[in-house]
Amino acid sequence: MNRSDEEPDDVERAVEAVLFAAAEPLTIDAIRAHVGEGDIRAALGGLAARYAGRGIELVRRGDRWQFQTAGDLAHLLRRDREEARKLSRAGTETLAIIAYHEPVTRAEIEAIRGVQISKGTLDVLMEAGWVRPAGRREVPGRPLTYATTPGFLVHFGLDSRRDLPGIDDLRAAGLLDPVDLAMGDDDAGLVVENPTEDA
């Protein structure tokens, strides 16, 4: 009898119920706050095995867990979802800089992009739930820093920031043009093509 055929124990059933009802991905500590004592990690492992290959799956995003539609079936649900507004070039570049360099200040973002960013660009990324304020840097002026959120990992299907594509991945995918390649590998995988003023 394999693991998926075994009857779940009480802890596993409780963890399943908590995750199923949760409005957002949960950490192990958050799950334990609902479930109480028990081997939460073992229960998560059992559930992941039990749901492997089914229409929904249990996935880990960073240090948080959630149920989601299996990746190969996501297309079945797209027709019912409202089409999201396309992120502007300024927003895409800003999000990439934050993801690769976090925590990062507004001045550092502008230095990397080579152009000022409008306040609205950061607002859009925060409203999407992908970026959050991450405290102040202990330097004169104490500028606010920005970092990505667990929602960023969930939206882009990443287990952690280590899964972000590197310069070699971007080059292999044909996402770097000759200007980018001439800039060399010092740019840590960021694609910034002659930025213009923000929309």
C-alpha atoms as a PDB file:
ATOM      1  CA  MET A   1       0.000   0.000   0.000  1.00  0.00           C
ATOM      2  CA  ASN A   2       1.567   3.342  -0.934  1.00  0.00           C
ATOM      3  CA  ARG A   3       1.376   6.528   1.089  1.00  0.00           C
ATOM      4  CA  SER A   4      -1.517   8.010  -0.893  1.00  0.00           C
ATOM      5  CA  ASP A   5      -3.677   4.945  -0.175  1.00  0.00           C
ATOM      6  CA  GLU A   6      -3.269   5.093   3.610  1.00  0.00           C
ATOM      7  CA  GLU A   7      -5.911   6.656   5.795  1.00  0.00           C
ATOM      8  CA  PRO A   8      -4.794  10.118   7.013  1.00  0.00           C
ATOM      9  CA  ASP A   9      -4.269  10.541  10.755  1.00  0.00           C
ATOM     10  CA  ASP A  10      -5.999  13.230  12.829  1.00  0.00           C
ATOM     11  CA  VAL A  11      -3.127  15.727  12.545  1.00  0.00           C
ATOM     12  CA  GLU A  12      -2.993  15.355   8.767  1.00  0.00           C
ATOM     13  CA  ARG A  13      -6.758  15.804   8.503  1.00  0.00           C
ATOM     14  CA  ALA A  14      -6.604  18.918  10.695  1.00  0.00           C
ATOM     15  CA  VAL A  15      -3.756  20.422   8.639  1.00  0.00           C
ATOM     16  CA  GLU A  16      -5.692  19.674   5.443  1.00  0.00           C
ATOM     17  CA  ALA A  17      -8.787  21.413   6.811  1.00  0.00           C
ATOM     18  CA  VAL A  18      -6.845  24.504   7.933  1.00  0.00           C
ATOM     19  CA  LEU A  19      -5.046  24.877   4.588  1.00  0.00           C
ATOM     20  CA  PHE A  20      -8.221  24.272   2.600  1.00  0.00           C
ATOM     21  CA  ALA A  21     -10.061  27.049   4.481  1.00  0.00           C
ATOM     22  CA  ALA A  22      -7.150  29.516   4.548  1.00  0.00           C
ATOM     23  CA  ALA A  23      -7.465  32.679   2.475  1.00  0.00           C
ATOM     24  CA  GLU A  24      -3.680  32.844   1.986  1.00  0.00           C
ATOM     25  CA  PRO A  25      -0.638  30.559   2.218  1.00  0.00           C
ATOM     26  CA  LEU A  26       0.282  29.633   5.811  1.00  0.00           C
ATOM     27  CA  THR A  27       3.567  29.082   7.640  1.00  0.00           C
ATOM     28  CA  ILE A  28       4.070  25.994   9.777  1.00  0.00           C
ATOM     29  CA  ASP A  29       3.727  28.171  12.895  1.00  0.00           C
ATOM     30  CA  ALA A  30       0.407  29.559  11.651  1.00  0.00           C
ATOM     31  CA  ILE A  31      -0.853  26.037  10.961  1.00  0.00           C
ATOM     32  CA  ARG A  32       0.306  24.904  14.428  1.00  0.00           C
ATOM     33  CA  ALA A  33      -1.636  27.807  16.001  1.00  0.00           C
ATOM     34  CA  HIS A  34      -4.828  26.222  14.618  1.00  0.00           C
ATOM     35  CA  VAL A  35      -3.958  22.541  14.925  1.00  0.00           C
ATOM     36  CA  GLY A  36      -1.999  22.473  18.189  1.00  0.00           C
ATOM     37  CA  GLU A  37       0.572  19.798  18.931  1.00  0.00           C
ATOM     38  CA  GLY A  38       1.557  17.205  16.384  1.00  0.00           C
ATOM     39  CA  ASP A  39       4.113  16.654  13.650  1.00  0.00           C
ATOM     40  CA  ILE A  40       3.044  19.361  11.214  1.00  0.00           C
ATOM     41  CA  ARG A  41       5.970  18.741   8.831  1.00  0.00           C
ATOM     42  CA  ALA A  42       5.140  15.036   8.569  1.00  0.00           C
ATOM     43  CA  ALA A  43       1.475  15.904   7.973  1.00  0.00           C
ATOM     44  CA  LEU A  44       2.451  18.321   5.193  1.00  0.00           C
ATOM     45  CA  GLY A  45       4.668  15.673   3.619  1.00  0.00           C
ATOM     46  CA  GLY A  46       1.830  13.160   3.772  1.00  0.00           C
ATOM     47  CA  LEU A  47      -0.626  15.587   2.215  1.00  0.00           C
ATOM     48  CA  ALA A  48       1.820  16.537  -0.555  1.00  0.00           C
ATOM     49  CA  ALA A  49       2.200  12.836  -1.416  1.00  0.00           C
ATOM     50  CA  ARG A  50      -1.552  12.225  -1.189  1.00  0.00           C
ATOM     51  CA  TYR A  51      -2.378  15.111  -3.569  1.00  0.00           C
ATOM     52  CA  ALA A  52       0.502  14.533  -6.032  1.00  0.00           C
ATOM     53  CA  GLY A  53      -0.857  14.082  -9.549  1.00  0.00           C
ATOM     54  CA  ARG A  54      -4.388  15.188  -8.669  1.00  0.00           C
ATOM     55  CA  GLY A  55      -6.390  18.218  -9.811  1.00  0.00           C
ATOM     56  CA  ILE A  56      -5.187  20.231  -6.853  1.00  0.00           C
ATOM     57  CA  GLU A  57      -1.813  19.964  -5.179  1.00  0.00           C
ATOM     58  CA  LEU A  58      -0.149  21.058  -1.968  1.00  0.00           C
ATOM     59  CA  VAL A  59       2.796  23.352  -2.676  1.00  0.00           C
ATOM     60  CA  ARG A  60       5.369  25.224  -0.651  1.00  0.00           C
ATOM     61  CA  ARG A  61       6.090  28.831  -1.589  1.00  0.00           C
ATOM     62  CA  GLY A  62       8.975  30.200   0.458  1.00  0.00           C
ATOM     63  CA  ASP A  63       8.132  29.193   4.031  1.00  0.00           C
ATOM     64  CA  ARG A  64       4.374  29.037   3.386  1.00  0.00           C
ATOM     65  CA  TRP A  65       2.073  26.235   2.246  1.00  0.00           C
ATOM     66  CA  GLN A  66      -1.123  26.268   0.193  1.00  0.00           C
ATOM     67  CA  PHE A  67      -3.378  24.203  -2.028  1.00  0.00           C
ATOM     68  CA  GLN A  68      -3.484  25.281  -5.666  1.00  0.00           C
ATOM     69  CA  THR A  69      -4.790  24.061  -8.989  1.00  0.00           C
ATOM     70  CA  ALA A  70      -2.344  21.662 -10.651  1.00  0.00           C
ATOM     71  CA  GLY A  71      -0.178  23.625 -13.066  1.00  0.00           C
ATOM     72  CA  ASP A  72      -1.191  21.579 -16.103  1.00  0.00           C
ATOM     73  CA  LEU A  73      -4.889  22.331 -15.432  1.00  0.00           C
ATOM     74  CA  ALA A  74      -4.664  26.078 -14.786  1.00  0.00           C
ATOM     75  CA  HIS A  75      -5.812  26.810 -18.355  1.00  0.00           C
ATOM     76  CA  LEU A  76      -9.253  25.370 -17.502  1.00  0.00           C
ATOM     77  CA  LEU A  77      -9.904  28.207 -15.060  1.00  0.00           C
ATOM     78  CA  ARG A  78      -8.489  31.147 -16.996  1.00  0.00           C
ATOM     79  CA  ARG A  79     -11.686  31.844 -18.917  1.00  0.00           C
ATOM     80  CA  ASP A  80     -13.475  32.705 -15.659  1.00  0.00           C
ATOM     81  CA  ARG A  81     -10.827  35.098 -14.409  1.00  0.00           C
ATOM     82  CA  GLU A  82     -10.925  38.801 -15.096  1.00  0.00           C
ATOM     83  CA  GLU A  83      -8.105  39.808 -17.399  1.00  0.00           C
ATOM     84  CA  ALA A  84      -5.518  41.644 -15.336  1.00  0.00           C
ATOM     85  CA  ARG A  85      -4.161  44.978 -16.496  1.00  0.00           C
ATOM     86  CA  LYS A  86      -0.747  44.562 -18.105  1.00  0.00           C
ATOM     87  CA  LEU A  87       2.148  45.746 -15.957  1.00  0.00           C
ATOM     88  CA  SER A  88       3.965  48.699 -17.525  1.00  0.00           C
ATOM     89  CA  ARG A  89       7.592  48.451 -18.592  1.00  0.00           C
ATOM     90  CA  ALA A  90       8.537  50.686 -15.660  1.00  0.00           C
ATOM     91  CA  GLY A  91       6.635  48.385 -13.301  1.00  0.00           C
ATOM     92  CA  THR A  92       8.260  45.264 -14.742  1.00  0.00           C
ATOM     93  CA  GLU A  93      11.756  46.722 -14.466  1.00  0.00           C
ATOM     94  CA  THR A  94      11.119  47.971 -10.930  1.00  0.00           C
ATOM     95  CA  LEU A  95       9.753  44.602  -9.827  1.00  0.00           C
ATOM     96  CA  ALA A  96      12.772  42.800 -11.317  1.00  0.00           C
ATOM     97  CA  ILE A  97      15.191  45.134  -9.535  1.00  0.00           C
ATOM     98  CA  ILE A  98      13.431  44.648  -6.203  1.00  0.00           C
ATOM     99  CA  ALA A  99      13.325  40.858  -6.642  1.00  0.00           C
ATOM    100  CA  TYR A 100      17.029  40.562  -7.501  1.00  0.00           C
ATOM    101  CA  HIS A 101      18.390  43.181  -5.071  1.00  0.00           C
ATOM    102  CA  GLU A 102      16.022  43.274  -2.076  1.00  0.00           C
ATOM    103  CA  PRO A 103      15.911  45.032   0.250  1.00  0.00           C
ATOM    104  CA  VAL A 104      16.458  48.041  -2.000  1.00  0.00           C
ATOM    105  CA  THR A 105      15.716  51.765  -1.676  1.00  0.00           C
ATOM    106  CA  ARG A 106      13.954  53.951  -4.222  1.00  0.00           C
ATOM    107  CA  ALA A 107      17.253  55.747  -4.957  1.00  0.00           C
ATOM    108  CA  GLU A 108      18.953  52.399  -5.629  1.00  0.00           C
ATOM    109  CA  ILE A 109      16.132  51.368  -7.973  1.00  0.00           C
ATOM    110  CA  GLU A 110      16.501  54.655  -9.858  1.00  0.00           C
ATOM    111  CA  ALA A 111      20.298  54.263 -10.049  1.00  0.00           C
ATOM    112  CA  ILE A 112      19.948  50.786 -11.583  1.00  0.00           C
ATOM    113  CA  ARG A 113      17.195  51.821 -14.022  1.00  0.00           C
ATOM    114  CA  GLY A 114      18.910  55.104 -14.890  1.00  0.00           C
ATOM    115  CA  VAL A 115      15.648  57.052 -14.620  1.00  0.00           C
ATOM    116  CA  GLN A 116      13.379  58.300 -11.854  1.00  0.00           C
ATOM    117  CA  ILE A 117      10.361  56.198 -10.992  1.00  0.00           C
ATOM    118  CA  SER A 118       6.981  57.663 -10.298  1.00  0.00           C
ATOM    119  CA  LYS A 119       5.392  56.973  -6.928  1.00  0.00           C
ATOM    120  CA  GLY A 120       2.565  55.291  -8.799  1.00  0.00           C
ATOM    121  CA  THR A 121       4.869  52.519 -10.028  1.00  0.00           C
ATOM    122  CA  LEU A 122       5.621  51.320  -6.495  1.00  0.00           C
ATOM    123  CA  ASP A 123       1.965  51.807  -5.515  1.00  0.00           C
ATOM    124  CA  VAL A 124       0.828  49.479  -8.323  1.00  0.00           C
ATOM    125  CA  LEU A 125       3.301  46.787  -7.208  1.00  0.00           C
ATOM    126  CA  MET A 126       2.191  47.099  -3.580  1.00  0.00           C
ATOM    127  CA  GLU A 127      -1.510  47.016  -4.535  1.00  0.00           C
ATOM    128  CA  ALA A 128      -0.830  43.818  -6.500  1.00  0.00           C
ATOM    129  CA  GLY A 129       0.601  42.354  -3.297  1.00  0.00           C
ATOM    130  CA  TRP A 130       4.037  41.676  -4.821  1.00  0.00           C
ATOM    131  CA  VAL A 131       6.089  44.346  -3.025  1.00  0.00           C
ATOM    132  CA  ARG A 132       6.113  45.588   0.574  1.00  0.00           C
ATOM    133  CA  PRO A 133       8.014  48.175   2.612  1.00  0.00           C
ATOM    134  CA  ALA A 134      10.874  46.344   4.344  1.00  0.00           C
ATOM    135  CA  GLY A 135      12.042  48.865   6.953  1.00  0.00           C
ATOM    136  CA  ARG A 136      14.436  51.755   6.821  1.00  0.00           C
ATOM    137  CA  ARG A 137      18.138  51.654   6.028  1.00  0.00           C
ATOM    138  CA  GLU A 138      20.362  52.904   8.858  1.00  0.00           C
ATOM    139  CA  VAL A 139      22.057  55.648   6.841  1.00  0.00           C
ATOM    140  CA  PRO A 140      21.508  59.419   6.780  1.00  0.00           C
ATOM    141  CA  GLY A 141      17.914  60.151   5.813  1.00  0.00           C
ATOM    142  CA  ARG A 142      16.893  56.596   6.783  1.00  0.00           C
ATOM    143  CA  PRO A 143      15.398  55.765   3.344  1.00  0.00           C
ATOM    144  CA  LEU A 144      12.607  53.201   3.130  1.00  0.00           C
ATOM    145  CA  THR A 145      13.553  49.878   1.562  1.00  0.00           C
ATOM    146  CA  TYR A 146      11.351  47.554  -0.500  1.00  0.00           C
ATOM    147  CA  ALA A 147      11.216  43.758  -0.791  1.00  0.00           C
ATOM    148  CA  THR A 148       9.029  41.141  -2.434  1.00  0.00           C
ATOM    149  CA  THR A 149       6.185  39.378  -0.592  1.00  0.00           C
ATOM    150  CA  PRO A 150       5.044  35.762  -0.307  1.00  0.00           C
ATOM    151  CA  GLY A 151       2.336  36.789  -2.798  1.00  0.00           C
ATOM    152  CA  PHE A 152       5.092  37.489  -5.359  1.00  0.00           C
ATOM    153  CA  LEU A 153       6.347  33.894  -5.005  1.00  0.00           C
ATOM    154  CA  VAL A 154       2.805  32.520  -5.285  1.00  0.00           C
ATOM    155  CA  HIS A 155       1.891  34.586  -8.362  1.00  0.00           C
ATOM    156  CA  PHE A 156       5.048  33.681 -10.267  1.00  0.00           C
ATOM    157  CA  GLY A 157       5.091  30.039  -9.123  1.00  0.00           C
ATOM    158  CA  LEU A 158       8.425  30.261  -7.301  1.00  0.00           C
ATOM    159  CA  ASP A 159       9.374  28.176  -4.285  1.00  0.00           C
ATOM    160  CA  SER A 160      11.871  30.865  -3.224  1.00  0.00           C
ATOM    161  CA  ARG A 161      13.818  33.771  -4.690  1.00  0.00           C
ATOM    162  CA  ARG A 162      16.609  31.304  -5.504  1.00  0.00           C
ATOM    163  CA  ASP A 163      14.339  30.116  -8.341  1.00  0.00           C
ATOM    164  CA  LEU A 164      14.552  33.466 -10.164  1.00  0.00           C
ATOM    165  CA  PRO A 165      16.213  33.061 -13.566  1.00  0.00           C
ATOM    166  CA  GLY A 166      19.891  33.982 -13.787  1.00  0.00           C
ATOM    167  CA  ILE A 167      21.695  35.717 -16.626  1.00  0.00           C
ATOM    168  CA  ASP A 168      22.398  32.382 -18.362  1.00  0.00           C
ATOM    169  CA  ASP A 169      18.710  31.409 -18.205  1.00  0.00           C
ATOM    170  CA  LEU A 170      17.652  34.759 -19.671  1.00  0.00           C
ATOM    171  CA  ARG A 171      20.264  34.510 -22.419  1.00  0.00           C
ATOM    172  CA  ALA A 172      19.167  30.937 -23.294  1.00  0.00           C
ATOM    173  CA  ALA A 173      15.545  32.065 -23.496  1.00  0.00           C
ATOM    174  CA  GLY A 174      16.494  34.806 -25.963  1.00  0.00           C
ATOM    175  CA  LEU A 175      15.371  37.575 -23.607  1.00  0.00           C
ATOM    176  CA  LEU A 176      18.617  39.520 -23.831  1.00  0.00           C
ATOM    177  CA  ASP A 177      19.312  41.564 -26.934  1.00  0.00           C
ATOM    178  CA  PRO A 178      22.855  42.428 -28.162  1.00  0.00           C
ATOM    179  CA  VAL A 179      22.855  45.662 -26.110  1.00  0.00           C
ATOM    180  CA  ASP A 180      22.175  43.687 -22.931  1.00  0.00           C
ATOM    181  CA  LEU A 181      24.837  41.108 -23.781  1.00  0.00           C
ATOM    182  CA  ALA A 182      27.392  43.869 -24.349  1.00  0.00           C
ATOM    183  CA  MET A 183      26.773  45.093 -20.803  1.00  0.00           C
ATOM    184  CA  GLY A 184      28.284  41.842 -19.511  1.00  0.00           C
ATOM    185  CA  ASP A 185      27.430  39.654 -16.567  1.00  0.00           C
ATOM    186  CA  ASP A 186      27.895  42.421 -13.977  1.00  0.00           C
ATOM    187  CA  ASP A 187      24.204  43.233 -14.069  1.00  0.00           C
ATOM    188  CA  ALA A 188      23.095  40.202 -11.997  1.00  0.00           C
ATOM    189  CA  GLY A 189      20.569  39.077 -14.567  1.00  0.00           C
ATOM    190  CA  LEU A 190      18.592  42.328 -14.814  1.00  0.00           C
ATOM    191  CA  VAL A 191      17.259  43.389 -18.186  1.00  0.00           C
ATOM    192  CA  VAL A 192      17.202  47.163 -18.570  1.00  0.00           C
ATOM    193  CA  GLU A 193      16.981  48.373 -22.141  1.00  0.00           C
ATOM    194  CA  ASN A 194      17.434  52.154 -22.485  1.00  0.00           C
ATOM    195  CA  PRO A 195      14.651  53.017 -20.025  1.00  0.00           C
ATOM    196  CA  THR A 196      12.460  55.942 -20.905  1.00  0.00           C
ATOM    197  CA  GLU A 197      10.277  58.013 -18.647  1.00  0.00           C
ATOM    198  CA  ASP A 198       7.625  56.187 -16.652  1.00  0.00           C
ATOM    199  CA  ALA A 199       4.121  55.879 -17.932  1.00  0.00           C
END
